[in-house]
Amino acid sequence: MENKMAKRWVKERLKRLFPELRNDPEVLDRAYRQLGIESLPGAGKGGTVVYEITLPERKIPGGAGAD
């Protein structure tokens, strides 16, 4: 259940940040999959699950990561 809620939250957030994704479910799903979301066990009281999001790497011409 937590995974479904997290997925929905992330997709809603993507739609707010990138309005062009609102009417294209395929592109929205692809953008979600590219994020690299991983669930990790939480720490502390209750130990709730924590979700870590890894952004896809992209090269910036003439900037960091350029060849």
PDB file of N, CA and C in Angstrom:
ATOM      1  N   MET A   1       0.819  -1.191   0.000  1.00  0.00           N
ATOM      2  CA  MET A   1       0.000   0.000   0.000  1.00  0.00           C
ATOM      3  C   MET A   1       0.869   1.264   0.000  1.00  0.00           C
ATOM      4  N   GLU A   2       1.962   1.245   0.773  1.00  0.00           N
ATOM      5  CA  GLU A   2       2.845   2.412   0.827  1.00  0.00           C
ATOM      6  C   GLU A   2       3.472   2.690  -0.533  1.00  0.00           C
ATOM      7  N   ASN A   3       3.834   1.622  -1.255  1.00  0.00           N
ATOM      8  CA  ASN A   3       4.433   1.796  -2.582  1.00  0.00           C
ATOM      9  C   ASN A   3       3.457   2.471  -3.541  1.00  0.00           C
ATOM     10  N   LYS A   4       2.185   2.079  -3.497  1.00  0.00           N
ATOM     11  CA  LYS A   4       1.178   2.683  -4.376  1.00  0.00           C
ATOM     12  C   LYS A   4       0.989   4.159  -4.049  1.00  0.00           C
ATOM     13  N   MET A   5       0.958   4.470  -2.756  1.00  0.00           N
ATOM     14  CA  MET A   5       0.787   5.858  -2.342  1.00  0.00           C
ATOM     15  C   MET A   5       1.991   6.694  -2.771  1.00  0.00           C
ATOM     16  N   ALA A   6       3.186   6.148  -2.619  1.00  0.00           N
ATOM     17  CA  ALA A   6       4.394   6.874  -3.009  1.00  0.00           C
ATOM     18  C   ALA A   6       4.415   7.099  -4.522  1.00  0.00           C
ATOM     19  N   LYS A   7       4.040   6.077  -5.283  1.00  0.00           N
ATOM     20  CA  LYS A   7       4.021   6.192  -6.737  1.00  0.00           C
ATOM     21  C   LYS A   7       3.043   7.270  -7.174  1.00  0.00           C
ATOM     22  N   ARG A   8       1.865   7.266  -6.572  1.00  0.00           N
ATOM     23  CA  ARG A   8       0.859   8.270  -6.919  1.00  0.00           C
ATOM     24  C   ARG A   8       1.341   9.675  -6.576  1.00  0.00           C
ATOM     25  N   TRP A   9       1.960   9.841  -5.397  1.00  0.00           N
ATOM     26  CA  TRP A   9       2.449  11.148  -4.969  1.00  0.00           C
ATOM     27  C   TRP A   9       3.504  11.659  -5.943  1.00  0.00           C
ATOM     28  N   VAL A  10       4.443  10.794  -6.316  1.00  0.00           N
ATOM     29  CA  VAL A  10       5.516  11.203  -7.226  1.00  0.00           C
ATOM     30  C   VAL A  10       4.949  11.585  -8.585  1.00  0.00           C
ATOM     31  N   LYS A  11       4.011  10.800  -9.094  1.00  0.00           N
ATOM     32  CA  LYS A  11       3.416  11.115 -10.391  1.00  0.00           C
ATOM     33  C   LYS A  11       2.648  12.436 -10.348  1.00  0.00           C
ATOM     34  N   GLU A  12       1.931  12.698  -9.259  1.00  0.00           N
ATOM     35  CA  GLU A  12       1.209  13.965  -9.125  1.00  0.00           C
ATOM     36  C   GLU A  12       2.195  15.129  -9.072  1.00  0.00           C
ATOM     37  N   ARG A  13       3.292  14.928  -8.386  1.00  0.00           N
ATOM     38  CA  ARG A  13       4.315  15.971  -8.284  1.00  0.00           C
ATOM     39  C   ARG A  13       4.947  16.235  -9.655  1.00  0.00           C
ATOM     40  N   LEU A  14       5.213  15.161 -10.404  1.00  0.00           N
ATOM     41  CA  LEU A  14       5.752  15.322 -11.757  1.00  0.00           C
ATOM     42  C   LEU A  14       4.800  16.131 -12.629  1.00  0.00           C
ATOM     43  N   LYS A  15       3.499  15.861 -12.501  1.00  0.00           N
ATOM     44  CA  LYS A  15       2.513  16.596 -13.306  1.00  0.00           C
ATOM     45  C   LYS A  15       2.481  18.071 -12.940  1.00  0.00           C
ATOM     46  N   ARG A  16       2.715  18.387 -11.679  1.00  0.00           N
ATOM     47  CA  ARG A  16       2.735  19.797 -11.271  1.00  0.00           C
ATOM     48  C   ARG A  16       3.988  20.494 -11.779  1.00  0.00           C
ATOM     49  N   LEU A  17       5.125  19.782 -11.715  1.00  0.00           N
ATOM     50  CA  LEU A  17       6.379  20.376 -12.157  1.00  0.00           C
ATOM     51  C   LEU A  17       6.481  20.467 -13.677  1.00  0.00           C
ATOM     52  N   PHE A  18       5.885  19.487 -14.356  1.00  0.00           N
ATOM     53  CA  PHE A  18       5.947  19.419 -15.812  1.00  0.00           C
ATOM     54  C   PHE A  18       4.527  19.262 -16.363  1.00  0.00           C
ATOM     55  N   PRO A  19       3.808  20.367 -16.523  1.00  0.00           N
ATOM     56  CA  PRO A  19       2.400  20.313 -16.958  1.00  0.00           C
ATOM     57  C   PRO A  19       2.191  19.566 -18.270  1.00  0.00           C
ATOM     58  N   GLU A  20       3.204  19.507 -19.123  1.00  0.00           N
ATOM     59  CA  GLU A  20       3.050  18.802 -20.398  1.00  0.00           C
ATOM     60  C   GLU A  20       2.853  17.295 -20.214  1.00  0.00           C
ATOM     61  N   LEU A  21       3.146  16.767 -19.023  1.00  0.00           N
ATOM     62  CA  LEU A  21       2.963  15.337 -18.745  1.00  0.00           C
ATOM     63  C   LEU A  21       1.526  14.992 -18.361  1.00  0.00           C
ATOM     64  N   ARG A  22       0.725  15.995 -18.052  1.00  0.00           N
ATOM     65  CA  ARG A  22      -0.638  15.758 -17.565  1.00  0.00           C
ATOM     66  C   ARG A  22      -1.505  14.959 -18.522  1.00  0.00           C
ATOM     67  N   ASN A  23      -1.380  15.222 -19.803  1.00  0.00           N
ATOM     68  CA  ASN A  23      -2.263  14.586 -20.787  1.00  0.00           C
ATOM     69  C   ASN A  23      -1.584  13.466 -21.569  1.00  0.00           C
ATOM     70  N   ASP A  24      -0.444  13.003 -21.080  1.00  0.00           N
ATOM     71  CA  ASP A  24       0.278  11.939 -21.782  1.00  0.00           C
ATOM     72  C   ASP A  24       0.728  10.876 -20.778  1.00  0.00           C
ATOM     73  N   PRO A  25      -0.159   9.923 -20.447  1.00  0.00           N
ATOM     74  CA  PRO A  25       0.152   8.921 -19.422  1.00  0.00           C
ATOM     75  C   PRO A  25       1.384   8.070 -19.727  1.00  0.00           C
ATOM     76  N   GLU A  26       1.639   7.811 -21.011  1.00  0.00           N
ATOM     77  CA  GLU A  26       2.813   7.000 -21.364  1.00  0.00           C
ATOM     78  C   GLU A  26       4.110   7.726 -21.032  1.00  0.00           C
ATOM     79  N   VAL A  27       4.181   8.996 -21.377  1.00  0.00           N
ATOM     80  CA  VAL A  27       5.377   9.786 -21.097  1.00  0.00           C
ATOM     81  C   VAL A  27       5.520   9.995 -19.590  1.00  0.00           C
ATOM     82  N   LEU A  28       4.412  10.203 -18.902  1.00  0.00           N
ATOM     83  CA  LEU A  28       4.442  10.346 -17.443  1.00  0.00           C
ATOM     84  C   LEU A  28       5.001   9.084 -16.789  1.00  0.00           C
ATOM     85  N   ASP A  29       4.541   7.926 -17.242  1.00  0.00           N
ATOM     86  CA  ASP A  29       5.020   6.662 -16.687  1.00  0.00           C
ATOM     87  C   ASP A  29       6.507   6.469 -16.985  1.00  0.00           C
ATOM     88  N   ARG A  30       6.929   6.835 -18.174  1.00  0.00           N
ATOM     89  CA  ARG A  30       8.353   6.722 -18.534  1.00  0.00           C
ATOM     90  C   ARG A  30       9.200   7.652 -17.653  1.00  0.00           C
ATOM     91  N   ALA A  31       8.729   8.873 -17.426  1.00  0.00           N
ATOM     92  CA  ALA A  31       9.448   9.815 -16.566  1.00  0.00           C
ATOM     93  C   ALA A  31       9.544   9.269 -15.147  1.00  0.00           C
ATOM     94  N   TYR A  32       8.468   8.658 -14.664  1.00  0.00           N
ATOM     95  CA  TYR A  32       8.462   8.064 -13.325  1.00  0.00           C
ATOM     96  C   TYR A  32       9.503   6.945 -13.228  1.00  0.00           C
ATOM     97  N   ARG A  33       9.535   6.076 -14.239  1.00  0.00           N
ATOM     98  CA  ARG A  33      10.479   4.949 -14.222  1.00  0.00           C
ATOM     99  C   ARG A  33      11.924   5.415 -14.287  1.00  0.00           C
ATOM    100  N   GLN A  34      12.198   6.538 -14.951  1.00  0.00           N
ATOM    101  CA  GLN A  34      13.557   7.049 -15.079  1.00  0.00           C
ATOM    102  C   GLN A  34      14.096   7.618 -13.775  1.00  0.00           C
ATOM    103  N   LEU A  35      13.222   7.892 -12.822  1.00  0.00           N
ATOM    104  CA  LEU A  35      13.671   8.473 -11.558  1.00  0.00           C
ATOM    105  C   LEU A  35      14.488   7.508 -10.711  1.00  0.00           C
ATOM    106  N   GLY A  36      14.271   6.235 -10.834  1.00  0.00           N
ATOM    107  CA  GLY A  36      15.016   5.269 -10.029  1.00  0.00           C
ATOM    108  C   GLY A  36      14.629   5.343  -8.562  1.00  0.00           C
ATOM    109  N   ILE A  37      13.389   5.010  -8.249  1.00  0.00           N
ATOM    110  CA  ILE A  37      12.891   5.071  -6.878  1.00  0.00           C
ATOM    111  C   ILE A  37      13.157   3.747  -6.185  1.00  0.00           C
ATOM    112  N   GLU A  38      13.741   3.837  -4.990  1.00  0.00           N
ATOM    113  CA  GLU A  38      14.086   2.642  -4.222  1.00  0.00           C
ATOM    114  C   GLU A  38      13.529   2.795  -2.811  1.00  0.00           C
ATOM    115  N   SER A  39      12.866   1.750  -2.321  1.00  0.00           N
ATOM    116  CA  SER A  39      12.360   1.806  -0.951  1.00  0.00           C
ATOM    117  C   SER A  39      13.421   1.235  -0.019  1.00  0.00           C
ATOM    118  N   LEU A  40      13.613   1.921   1.094  1.00  0.00           N
ATOM    119  CA  LEU A  40      14.609   1.531   2.085  1.00  0.00           C
ATOM    120  C   LEU A  40      13.943   1.434   3.447  1.00  0.00           C
ATOM    121  N   PRO A  41      14.424   0.524   4.284  1.00  0.00           N
ATOM    122  CA  PRO A  41      13.851   0.444   5.631  1.00  0.00           C
ATOM    123  C   PRO A  41      14.176   1.725   6.404  1.00  0.00           C
ATOM    124  N   GLY A  42      13.193   2.207   7.136  1.00  0.00           N
ATOM    125  CA  GLY A  42      13.382   3.426   7.908  1.00  0.00           C
ATOM    126  C   GLY A  42      14.104   3.170   9.219  1.00  0.00           C
ATOM    127  N   ALA A  43      14.515   4.225   9.859  1.00  0.00           N
ATOM    128  CA  ALA A  43      15.196   4.125  11.151  1.00  0.00           C
ATOM    129  C   ALA A  43      14.364   4.840  12.209  1.00  0.00           C
ATOM    130  N   GLY A  44      14.686   4.619  13.445  1.00  0.00           N
ATOM    131  CA  GLY A  44      13.992   5.296  14.530  1.00  0.00           C
ATOM    132  C   GLY A  44      12.710   4.594  14.913  1.00  0.00           C
ATOM    133  N   LYS A  45      11.904   5.273  15.728  1.00  0.00           N
ATOM    134  CA  LYS A  45      10.649   4.690  16.196  1.00  0.00           C
ATOM    135  C   LYS A  45       9.720   4.405  15.037  1.00  0.00           C
ATOM    136  N   GLY A  46       9.165   3.228  15.019  1.00  0.00           N
ATOM    137  CA  GLY A  46       8.221   2.850  13.980  1.00  0.00           C
ATOM    138  C   GLY A  46       8.881   2.310  12.733  1.00  0.00           C
ATOM    139  N   GLY A  47      10.092   2.747  12.431  1.00  0.00           N
ATOM    140  CA  GLY A  47      10.832   2.261  11.282  1.00  0.00           C
ATOM    141  C   GLY A  47      10.059   2.276   9.978  1.00  0.00           C
ATOM    142  N   THR A  48       9.356   3.375   9.678  1.00  0.00           N
ATOM    143  CA  THR A  48       8.580   3.444   8.442  1.00  0.00           C
ATOM    144  C   THR A  48       9.499   3.443   7.228  1.00  0.00           C
ATOM    145  N   VAL A  49       8.972   3.024   6.108  1.00  0.00           N
ATOM    146  CA  VAL A  49       9.738   2.925   4.872  1.00  0.00           C
ATOM    147  C   VAL A  49      10.113   4.322   4.384  1.00  0.00           C
ATOM    148  N   VAL A  50      11.327   4.444   3.867  1.00  0.00           N
ATOM    149  CA  VAL A  50      11.823   5.691   3.297  1.00  0.00           C
ATOM    150  C   VAL A  50      12.067   5.436   1.816  1.00  0.00           C
ATOM    151  N   TYR A  51      11.703   6.391   0.976  1.00  0.00           N
ATOM    152  CA  TYR A  51      11.899   6.251  -0.459  1.00  0.00           C
ATOM    153  C   TYR A  51      13.013   7.175  -0.907  1.00  0.00           C
ATOM    154  N   GLU A  52      13.983   6.612  -1.625  1.00  0.00           N
ATOM    155  CA  GLU A  52      15.095   7.392  -2.148  1.00  0.00           C
ATOM    156  C   GLU A  52      14.920   7.508  -3.649  1.00  0.00           C
ATOM    157  N   ILE A  53      15.017   8.724  -4.158  1.00  0.00           N
ATOM    158  CA  ILE A  53      14.850   8.968  -5.587  1.00  0.00           C
ATOM    159  C   ILE A  53      16.198   9.357  -6.168  1.00  0.00           C
ATOM    160  N   THR A  54      16.597   8.641  -7.211  1.00  0.00           N
ATOM    161  CA  THR A  54      17.832   8.945  -7.917  1.00  0.00           C
ATOM    162  C   THR A  54      17.457   9.538  -9.261  1.00  0.00           C
ATOM    163  N   LEU A  55      17.888  10.765  -9.500  1.00  0.00           N
ATOM    164  CA  LEU A  55      17.576  11.419 -10.766  1.00  0.00           C
ATOM    165  C   LEU A  55      18.444  10.841 -11.866  1.00  0.00           C
ATOM    166  N   PRO A  56      17.898  10.738 -13.076  1.00  0.00           N
ATOM    167  CA  PRO A  56      18.700  10.216 -14.191  1.00  0.00           C
ATOM    168  C   PRO A  56      19.844  11.173 -14.496  1.00  0.00           C
ATOM    169  N   GLU A  57      21.003  10.622 -14.848  1.00  0.00           N
ATOM    170  CA  GLU A  57      22.142  11.458 -15.197  1.00  0.00           C
ATOM    171  C   GLU A  57      21.949  11.993 -16.598  1.00  0.00           C
ATOM    172  N   ARG A  58      22.325  13.213 -16.777  1.00  0.00           N
ATOM    173  CA  ARG A  58      22.300  13.773 -18.127  1.00  0.00           C
ATOM    174  C   ARG A  58      23.494  14.694 -18.276  1.00  0.00           C
ATOM    175  N   LYS A  59      24.020  14.713 -19.449  1.00  0.00           N
ATOM    176  CA  LYS A  59      25.199  15.533 -19.717  1.00  0.00           C
ATOM    177  C   LYS A  59      24.759  16.929 -20.115  1.00  0.00           C
ATOM    178  N   ILE A  60      25.461  17.909 -19.583  1.00  0.00           N
ATOM    179  CA  ILE A  60      25.193  19.307 -19.911  1.00  0.00           C
ATOM    180  C   ILE A  60      26.297  19.773 -20.839  1.00  0.00           C
ATOM    181  N   PRO A  61      25.966  20.172 -22.072  1.00  0.00           N
ATOM    182  CA  PRO A  61      27.002  20.602 -23.013  1.00  0.00           C
ATOM    183  C   PRO A  61      27.839  21.740 -22.429  1.00  0.00           C
ATOM    184  N   GLY A  62      29.150  21.547 -22.442  1.00  0.00           N
ATOM    185  CA  GLY A  62      30.052  22.582 -21.950  1.00  0.00           C
ATOM    186  C   GLY A  62      30.056  22.718 -20.440  1.00  0.00           C
ATOM    187  N   GLY A  63      29.366  21.837 -19.735  1.00  0.00           N
ATOM    188  CA  GLY A  63      29.298  21.947 -18.280  1.00  0.00           C
ATOM    189  C   GLY A  63      29.762  20.678 -17.617  1.00  0.00           C
ATOM    190  N   ALA A  64      29.352  20.479 -16.404  1.00  0.00           N
ATOM    191  CA  ALA A  64      29.723  19.291 -15.628  1.00  0.00           C
ATOM    192  C   ALA A  64      29.237  18.043 -16.355  1.00  0.00           C
ATOM    193  N   GLY A  65      30.097  17.042 -16.464  1.00  0.00           N
ATOM    194  CA  GLY A  65      29.718  15.796 -17.097  1.00  0.00           C
ATOM    195  C   GLY A  65      29.940  15.784 -18.600  1.00  0.00           C
ATOM    196  N   ALA A  66      30.399  16.898 -19.156  1.00  0.00           N
ATOM    197  CA  ALA A  66      30.655  16.931 -20.600  1.00  0.00           C
ATOM    198  C   ALA A  66      31.976  16.254 -20.914  1.00  0.00           C
ATOM    199  N   ASP A  67      32.036  15.606 -22.045  1.00  0.00           N
ATOM    200  CA  ASP A  67      33.273  14.922 -22.451  1.00  0.00           C
ATOM    201  C   ASP A  67      34.276  15.882 -23.023  1.00  0.00           C
TER     202      ASP A  67
END
